[in-house]
Protein backbone atom coordinates (compact mmCIF):
# COMPACT_ATOMS: atom_id res chain seq x y z
CA MET A 1 14.59 6.22 -2.82
CA LYS A 2 17.93 5.46 -4.45
CA LYS A 3 18.28 2.62 -6.90
CA SER A 4 19.68 -0.55 -5.37
CA ALA A 5 21.20 -3.39 -7.35
CA ASN A 6 19.06 -6.52 -7.44
CA THR A 7 21.69 -9.04 -6.38
CA HIS A 8 18.95 -11.53 -5.47
CA GLY A 9 17.54 -11.96 -8.98
CA LEU A 10 13.98 -11.44 -7.81
CA LYS A 11 11.15 -11.64 -10.29
CA ALA A 12 7.74 -10.02 -9.86
CA VAL A 13 4.15 -10.98 -10.57
CA ILE A 14 1.72 -8.08 -10.81
CA LEU A 15 -1.96 -8.93 -10.43
CA VAL A 16 -3.74 -6.71 -12.95
CA GLY A 17 -6.78 -8.82 -13.76
CA GLY A 18 -9.52 -7.16 -11.73
CA PRO A 19 -12.40 -5.30 -13.43
CA GLY A 20 -12.10 -2.32 -11.07
CA THR A 21 -15.71 -2.52 -9.91
CA ARG A 22 -15.25 -0.06 -7.03
CA LEU A 23 -13.65 2.50 -9.37
CA ARG A 24 -16.54 2.62 -11.82
CA PRO A 25 -17.58 4.47 -13.90
CA LEU A 26 -13.92 5.34 -14.57
CA THR A 27 -13.18 1.68 -15.38
CA ASP A 28 -16.23 1.01 -17.55
CA ASN A 29 -14.02 1.05 -20.65
CA CYS A 30 -10.55 1.27 -19.13
CA PRO A 31 -8.75 -1.48 -17.17
CA LYS A 32 -7.79 -0.22 -13.74
CA PRO A 33 -4.00 -0.56 -14.33
CA MET A 34 -4.36 1.88 -17.25
CA VAL A 35 -6.20 4.56 -15.27
CA PRO A 36 -4.04 7.70 -15.55
CA VAL A 37 -2.14 8.83 -12.47
CA VAL A 38 -0.51 12.24 -13.00
CA ASN A 39 -0.87 11.59 -16.74
CA LYS A 40 0.73 8.12 -16.79
CA PRO A 41 -1.01 4.74 -16.46
CA PHE A 42 -0.97 3.56 -12.85
CA LEU A 43 0.84 0.37 -13.87
CA GLU A 44 3.68 2.40 -15.35
CA HIS A 45 4.44 3.84 -11.90
CA THR A 46 4.54 0.31 -10.44
CA LEU A 47 6.94 -0.89 -13.13
CA ALA A 48 9.18 2.11 -12.44
CA HIS A 49 9.31 1.28 -8.72
CA LEU A 50 10.25 -2.32 -9.44
CA LYS A 51 12.95 -1.27 -11.89
CA LEU A 52 14.35 1.12 -9.26
CA SER A 53 14.88 -1.93 -7.04
CA GLY A 54 16.56 -3.74 -9.92
CA ILE A 55 13.58 -6.06 -10.59
CA GLU A 56 13.23 -6.22 -14.35
CA ASP A 57 11.66 -9.66 -15.05
CA ILE A 58 7.95 -9.05 -14.52
CA ILE A 59 4.90 -11.19 -15.21
CA LEU A 60 1.53 -9.52 -15.66
CA ALA A 61 -1.40 -11.71 -14.58
CA MET A 62 -4.33 -10.36 -16.59
CA SER A 63 -8.01 -10.97 -17.17
CA TYR A 64 -10.10 -7.80 -17.77
CA LEU A 65 -9.41 -5.92 -21.06
CA PRO A 66 -5.86 -7.31 -21.38
CA GLU A 67 -5.21 -5.99 -24.89
CA ALA A 68 -5.25 -2.37 -23.74
CA ILE A 69 -2.38 -3.19 -21.36
CA ARG A 70 -0.42 -5.22 -23.91
CA GLU A 71 -0.81 -2.56 -26.60
CA TYR A 72 0.65 0.16 -24.36
CA PHE A 73 3.51 -1.74 -22.71
CA GLY A 74 4.51 -4.26 -25.39
CA ASP A 75 7.47 -6.37 -24.29
CA GLY A 76 8.47 -3.73 -21.71
CA GLU A 77 11.64 -2.63 -23.48
CA HIS A 78 10.67 1.06 -23.60
CA HIS A 79 10.11 0.95 -19.85
CA GLY A 80 13.39 -0.78 -19.05
CA VAL A 81 11.84 -4.12 -18.05
CA ARG A 82 11.01 -7.52 -19.58
CA LEU A 83 7.30 -8.32 -19.54
CA THR A 84 5.58 -11.69 -19.78
CA TYR A 85 1.80 -11.85 -20.10
CA CYS A 86 -0.35 -14.56 -18.49
CA ILE A 87 -4.03 -14.25 -19.35
CA GLU A 88 -6.73 -16.04 -17.36
CA GLU A 89 -9.69 -17.38 -19.31
CA GLU A 90 -11.72 -17.03 -16.11
CA PRO A 91 -10.75 -15.09 -12.96
CA LEU A 92 -8.63 -17.34 -10.75
CA GLY A 93 -8.24 -15.21 -7.62
CA THR A 94 -5.02 -13.73 -6.28
CA ALA A 95 -3.17 -17.02 -5.65
CA GLY A 96 -4.75 -18.82 -8.61
CA ALA A 97 -3.49 -16.11 -10.95
CA VAL A 98 0.06 -16.58 -9.65
CA LYS A 99 -0.25 -20.36 -10.05
CA ASN A 100 -1.22 -19.69 -13.67
CA ALA A 101 2.23 -18.09 -14.11
CA ALA A 102 4.12 -20.90 -12.35
CA ALA A 103 6.07 -21.88 -15.47
CA TYR A 104 7.97 -18.56 -15.24
CA LEU A 105 8.63 -18.62 -11.48
CA ASP A 106 11.80 -20.58 -10.78
CA ARG A 107 13.12 -18.41 -7.94
CA PRO A 108 11.75 -16.15 -5.16
CA PHE A 109 9.36 -13.52 -6.47
CA VAL A 110 7.41 -10.44 -5.45
CA VAL A 111 3.61 -10.42 -5.80
CA LEU A 112 1.81 -7.07 -6.03
CA ASN A 113 -1.85 -6.18 -6.26
CA GLY A 114 -0.73 -3.89 -9.02
CA ASP A 115 -4.02 -2.52 -10.24
CA ASN A 116 -4.86 -0.53 -7.13
CA VAL A 117 -2.15 -0.55 -4.41
CA PHE A 118 0.72 1.95 -4.48
CA LEU A 119 3.82 1.04 -2.48
CA GLU A 120 6.89 3.25 -2.25
CA MET A 121 9.55 0.81 -1.14
CA ASP A 122 12.90 -0.88 -1.83
CA PHE A 123 11.90 -4.48 -2.51
CA ASN A 124 15.42 -5.75 -1.92
CA GLU A 125 15.26 -4.49 1.65
CA VAL A 126 12.13 -6.58 2.16
CA TYR A 127 13.76 -9.60 0.54
CA THR A 128 16.71 -9.35 2.92
CA PHE A 129 14.22 -9.59 5.82
CA HIS A 130 12.45 -12.52 4.08
CA ARG A 131 15.73 -14.38 3.49
CA ASP A 132 17.06 -13.78 6.99
CA LYS A 133 13.85 -15.17 8.50
CA LYS A 134 13.98 -18.20 6.18
CA ALA A 135 10.34 -17.48 5.38
CA LYS A 136 8.27 -19.39 2.85
CA ALA A 137 6.25 -16.21 2.34
CA THR A 138 6.43 -12.66 3.69
CA ILE A 139 3.42 -10.36 3.78
CA PHE A 140 3.89 -6.62 3.36
CA MET A 141 1.98 -4.96 6.21
CA THR A 142 1.08 -1.35 6.88
CA GLN A 143 -0.43 0.42 9.89
CA VAL A 144 -3.81 2.14 9.53
CA ASP A 145 -6.07 4.15 11.82
CA ASN A 146 -9.15 2.00 11.14
CA PRO A 147 -8.06 -1.64 10.87
CA SER A 148 -11.65 -2.88 11.19
CA ALA A 149 -12.15 -2.02 7.51
CA PHE A 150 -9.38 -4.42 6.44
CA GLY A 151 -7.89 -7.83 7.11
CA VAL A 152 -5.75 -7.58 10.25
CA VAL A 153 -2.47 -9.53 10.51
CA GLU A 154 -1.32 -10.63 13.99
CA THR A 155 2.39 -11.34 14.50
CA ASP A 156 4.61 -12.29 17.42
CA ASP A 157 7.67 -10.34 18.62
CA ASP A 158 9.76 -11.92 15.84
CA GLN A 159 7.25 -10.77 13.18
CA ARG A 160 6.11 -14.33 12.51
CA VAL A 161 2.43 -14.38 11.57
CA LYS A 162 0.15 -15.90 14.22
CA ARG A 163 -3.29 -15.42 12.69
CA PHE A 164 -5.50 -13.38 10.37
CA ILE A 165 -8.67 -11.57 11.40
CA GLU A 166 -10.95 -10.42 8.57
CA LYS A 167 -12.52 -7.00 9.28
CA PRO A 168 -12.80 -7.23 13.09
CA PRO A 169 -15.60 -5.14 14.69
CA PRO A 170 -14.43 -1.67 15.80
CA GLY A 171 -12.87 -1.80 19.25
CA THR A 172 -11.98 -5.49 19.06
CA GLU A 173 -8.84 -5.13 16.93
CA THR A 174 -5.73 -6.72 18.42
CA SER A 175 -3.43 -5.04 15.89
CA ASN A 176 -3.52 -2.05 13.53
CA ARG A 177 -1.36 -3.83 10.96
CA ILE A 178 -3.10 -4.93 7.78
CA ASN A 179 -2.20 -6.76 4.60
CA ALA A 180 -0.74 -4.06 2.32
CA GLY A 181 -1.28 -5.98 -0.92
CA GLY A 182 2.23 -7.29 -1.53
CA TYR A 183 4.21 -10.47 -0.78
CA ILE A 184 7.51 -12.23 -1.32
CA VAL A 185 7.01 -15.93 -2.01
CA GLU A 186 9.32 -18.92 -2.40
CA PRO A 187 8.61 -20.90 -5.60
CA GLU A 188 7.94 -24.20 -3.79
CA VAL A 189 4.89 -22.59 -2.17
CA LEU A 190 3.20 -22.75 -5.59
CA GLU A 191 2.75 -26.49 -5.02
CA GLU A 192 0.19 -25.65 -2.31
CA ILE A 193 -2.05 -23.79 -4.80
CA PRO A 194 -4.57 -25.89 -6.79
CA THR A 195 -4.27 -25.64 -10.57
CA GLY A 196 -7.03 -24.00 -12.58
CA GLN A 197 -9.15 -23.10 -9.55
CA HIS A 198 -10.19 -19.82 -7.98
CA TYR A 199 -7.91 -19.55 -4.94
CA MET A 200 -6.89 -16.61 -2.74
CA PHE A 201 -3.72 -15.78 -0.82
CA GLU A 202 -5.66 -14.16 1.99
CA LYS A 203 -8.34 -16.79 2.64
CA GLY A 204 -6.72 -19.90 1.19
CA LEU A 205 -2.95 -20.14 0.89
CA PHE A 206 -1.79 -18.16 3.93
CA PRO A 207 -4.17 -19.83 6.41
CA LYS A 208 -3.03 -23.21 5.02
CA LEU A 209 0.64 -22.32 5.52
CA LEU A 210 -0.14 -21.35 9.12
CA GLU A 211 -2.04 -24.56 9.68
CA ASP A 212 0.90 -26.57 8.34
CA GLY A 213 3.38 -24.69 10.56
CA GLN A 214 5.24 -23.14 7.62
CA PRO A 215 7.29 -19.99 8.36
CA LEU A 216 5.08 -17.07 7.34
CA TYR A 217 6.29 -13.58 8.30
CA GLY A 218 5.06 -10.00 8.18
CA TYR A 219 7.21 -7.03 7.14
CA THR A 220 5.90 -3.72 8.46
CA TYR A 221 5.96 -1.05 5.79
CA ASN A 222 6.20 2.48 7.23
CA TRP A 223 6.08 4.70 4.15
CA TYR A 224 3.29 5.96 1.92
CA TRP A 225 0.61 3.38 1.16
CA LEU A 226 -2.73 3.80 -0.57
CA ASP A 227 -5.41 1.55 -2.02
CA MET A 228 -6.85 3.67 -4.83
CA GLY A 229 -9.83 1.36 -5.35
CA THR A 230 -12.51 4.08 -5.16
CA PRO A 231 -12.85 7.35 -7.12
CA GLN A 232 -12.25 9.39 -3.94
CA LYS A 233 -9.05 7.51 -3.07
CA TYR A 234 -7.90 7.66 -6.69
CA PHE A 235 -8.48 11.42 -6.58
CA ASN A 236 -6.54 11.72 -3.30
CA PHE A 237 -3.63 9.72 -4.69
CA ASN A 238 -3.24 12.00 -7.72
CA ILE A 239 -3.38 15.08 -5.52
CA ASP A 240 -0.84 13.60 -3.08
CA LEU A 241 1.62 13.01 -5.93
CA LEU A 242 1.10 16.50 -7.31
CA LEU A 243 1.60 17.99 -3.84
CA SER A 244 4.75 15.86 -3.38
CA LYS A 245 3.32 14.00 -0.37
CA THR A 246 4.70 10.88 -2.05
CA LYS A 247 6.98 10.34 -5.04
CA SER A 248 6.96 8.31 -8.22
CA PRO A 249 10.18 7.60 -10.12
CA LEU A 250 8.36 8.96 -13.19
CA PHE A 251 7.84 12.42 -11.62
CA GLN A 252 10.71 13.31 -9.32
CA ASN A 253 10.44 17.02 -10.20
CA LEU A 254 7.04 17.66 -8.62
CA THR A 255 7.52 19.85 -5.54
CA GLY A 256 3.97 20.82 -4.58
CA ASP A 257 3.84 24.17 -6.37
CA GLY A 258 4.45 25.67 -9.79
CA VAL A 259 3.23 24.72 -13.28
CA TYR A 260 4.64 21.55 -14.84
CA TYR A 261 4.42 20.15 -18.36
CA SER A 262 4.47 16.38 -18.92
CA GLY A 263 4.31 16.84 -22.70
CA GLU A 264 4.89 19.38 -25.46
CA ASN A 265 2.97 21.71 -27.80
CA SER A 266 0.40 23.04 -25.34
CA GLU A 267 -0.87 26.58 -25.89
CA VAL A 268 -1.77 28.84 -22.96
CA HIS A 269 -3.45 32.19 -23.75
CA PRO A 270 -1.58 35.15 -22.22
CA ALA A 271 -4.79 36.22 -20.50
CA ALA A 272 -5.22 32.86 -18.76
CA LYS A 273 -4.36 32.70 -15.06
CA ILE A 274 -2.73 29.52 -13.69
CA THR A 275 -1.91 29.06 -10.00
CA GLY A 276 0.05 25.91 -9.18
CA PRO A 277 0.46 23.15 -8.55
CA VAL A 278 -0.77 22.31 -12.07
CA LEU A 279 0.40 19.54 -14.40
CA ILE A 280 -0.35 19.95 -18.12
CA ASP A 281 0.21 17.24 -20.73
CA SER A 282 0.82 17.67 -24.48
CA ASP A 283 -1.32 19.36 -27.16
CA CYS A 284 -3.63 21.23 -24.80
CA LYS A 285 -5.25 24.61 -25.49
CA ILE A 286 -6.12 26.94 -22.60
CA GLY A 287 -8.28 29.89 -23.62
CA ARG A 288 -8.55 33.58 -22.88
CA GLY A 289 -9.56 34.39 -19.32
CA ALA A 290 -9.36 30.79 -18.13
CA SER A 291 -8.64 30.45 -14.40
CA ILE A 292 -6.87 27.29 -13.20
CA LYS A 293 -6.25 26.97 -9.48
CA GLY A 294 -4.23 23.95 -8.40
CA PRO A 295 -3.99 21.22 -7.55
CA VAL A 296 -5.10 20.46 -11.12
CA ILE A 297 -4.01 17.76 -13.57
CA ILE A 298 -4.74 18.14 -17.30
CA GLY A 299 -4.27 15.22 -19.71
CA LYS A 300 -3.34 15.14 -23.39
CA GLY A 301 -5.26 17.11 -25.99
CA CYS A 302 -7.61 18.93 -23.64
CA ILE A 303 -9.38 22.13 -24.69
CA ILE A 304 -10.08 24.60 -21.87
CA GLY A 305 -12.47 27.21 -23.24
CA ASP A 306 -12.50 30.97 -22.70
CA SER A 307 -13.54 32.30 -19.28
CA THR A 308 -13.56 28.84 -17.71
CA SER A 309 -12.63 27.94 -14.13
CA LEU A 310 -10.84 24.79 -12.93
CA GLU A 311 -10.11 24.10 -9.27
CA LYS A 312 -8.81 20.91 -7.62
CA THR A 313 -9.76 18.80 -10.63
CA ILE A 314 -8.34 15.98 -12.75
CA LEU A 315 -8.93 15.93 -16.51
CA TRP A 316 -8.09 12.81 -18.47
CA ASP A 317 -7.24 13.00 -22.21
CA LYS A 318 -9.19 14.95 -24.84
CA VAL A 319 -11.61 16.65 -22.49
CA ASN A 320 -13.39 19.58 -24.16
CA MET A 321 -14.39 22.16 -21.57
CA GLY A 322 -16.86 24.72 -22.92
CA GLN A 323 -16.76 28.46 -22.43
CA ASN A 324 -17.71 29.98 -19.09
CA SER A 325 -17.90 26.55 -17.44
CA ARG A 326 -16.87 25.81 -13.86
CA LEU A 327 -15.34 22.62 -12.45
CA LYS A 328 -14.39 22.13 -8.80
CA GLN A 329 -13.20 18.90 -7.19
CA CYS A 330 -14.02 16.69 -10.16
CA ILE A 331 -12.61 13.81 -12.18
CA ILE A 332 -13.42 14.13 -15.88
CA ALA A 333 -12.82 11.00 -17.98
CA SER A 334 -11.33 10.99 -21.48
CA ASP A 335 -13.39 12.27 -24.44
CA THR A 336 -15.93 14.00 -22.19
CA ILE A 337 -17.54 17.23 -23.42
CA ILE A 338 -18.42 19.83 -20.79
CA LYS A 339 -21.05 22.16 -22.25
CA ASP A 340 -20.81 25.94 -22.16
CA ASN A 341 -21.91 27.56 -18.89
CA SER A 342 -21.80 24.25 -16.97
CA LYS A 343 -21.17 24.30 -13.24
CA ILE A 344 -20.09 20.93 -11.82
CA GLU A 345 -18.70 20.19 -8.37
CA ASN A 346 -17.68 17.05 -6.45
CA SER A 347 -18.41 14.74 -9.38
CA VAL A 348 -17.01 12.00 -11.59
CA VAL A 349 -17.99 12.71 -15.19
CA THR A 350 -17.63 10.32 -18.15
CA PRO A 351 -19.08 10.67 -21.67
CA SER A 352 -22.12 8.64 -20.58
CA LYS A 353 -22.76 9.43 -16.90
CA THR A 354 -22.14 11.67 -13.91
CA VAL A 355 -21.90 10.37 -10.34
CA PRO A 356 -20.81 11.96 -7.03
CA LEU A 357 -17.08 11.88 -6.33
CA SER A 358 -17.64 11.54 -2.59
CA VAL A 359 -20.86 10.73 -0.76
């Protein structure tokens, strides 16, 4: 996607307040927006997509472990954006969190469920649709094979929303288009959201707009979309990026093969065997006789012991993998020690627990 100038002056609100319950144990001590995706926090990829569309004024609506996010991103200058932080004392829901940021929203704005939904799109293209329809709000929609697991959005031939159906029973779906976790909203719509109350876009604001006859539209999004809310989907998303099934502005060079370095000063023993695609971050040590068969992602400061084997696995930062150990189809959280001679498959491993990756 080429960069397009933001002639509309759009702002963005990113909802990053959720505790990431479905992604546990990976989010026990890490807010979901900071979970590493190909060695960068997930939120950093979202900011890069917004900047590519020329959207640089961004409000982060936060609740769970907000300081970890603020410490990494600061005022946004190093990422080419301007960040404003709005912290909820208690969770306010998707619409309530945006209402909490109303003082900064004086013009049309994008809303993203930015702690779990990845959208590869030009937001200005969507805003052109929104403006041409004279919509009060536009819902980003995507098509899925199993709409009964989601909230279905019904539209007419002009893409105006007719009704919402929450998780219809299989076989009764009237549409395969679902809410993709993003919206464009006119600022006057904020007046419809109660102040200081838990209130949702999906079950509160949008049904009310329909009831009042307000113009609510759906924009069908036809590119890569993924809700990485579970460990398995998070795993799939990382692998898709590494295999170049989708692209992030932060990693345009990934082509689905080869060995890539996202940092410096890593040491690979000459007797180690690496078969791509593999992404290696800074300050890693890969020992004699180690076998790494991609797709594999290795975070900062990892130690891969002698005669080890890694296959289709994601290592976060500072993982210490003991000698003669074997990992296949695993996610290993930061600061985890894998003992010598361990054999682990299809698992999520943190310093305190191990659970199945897929059931």
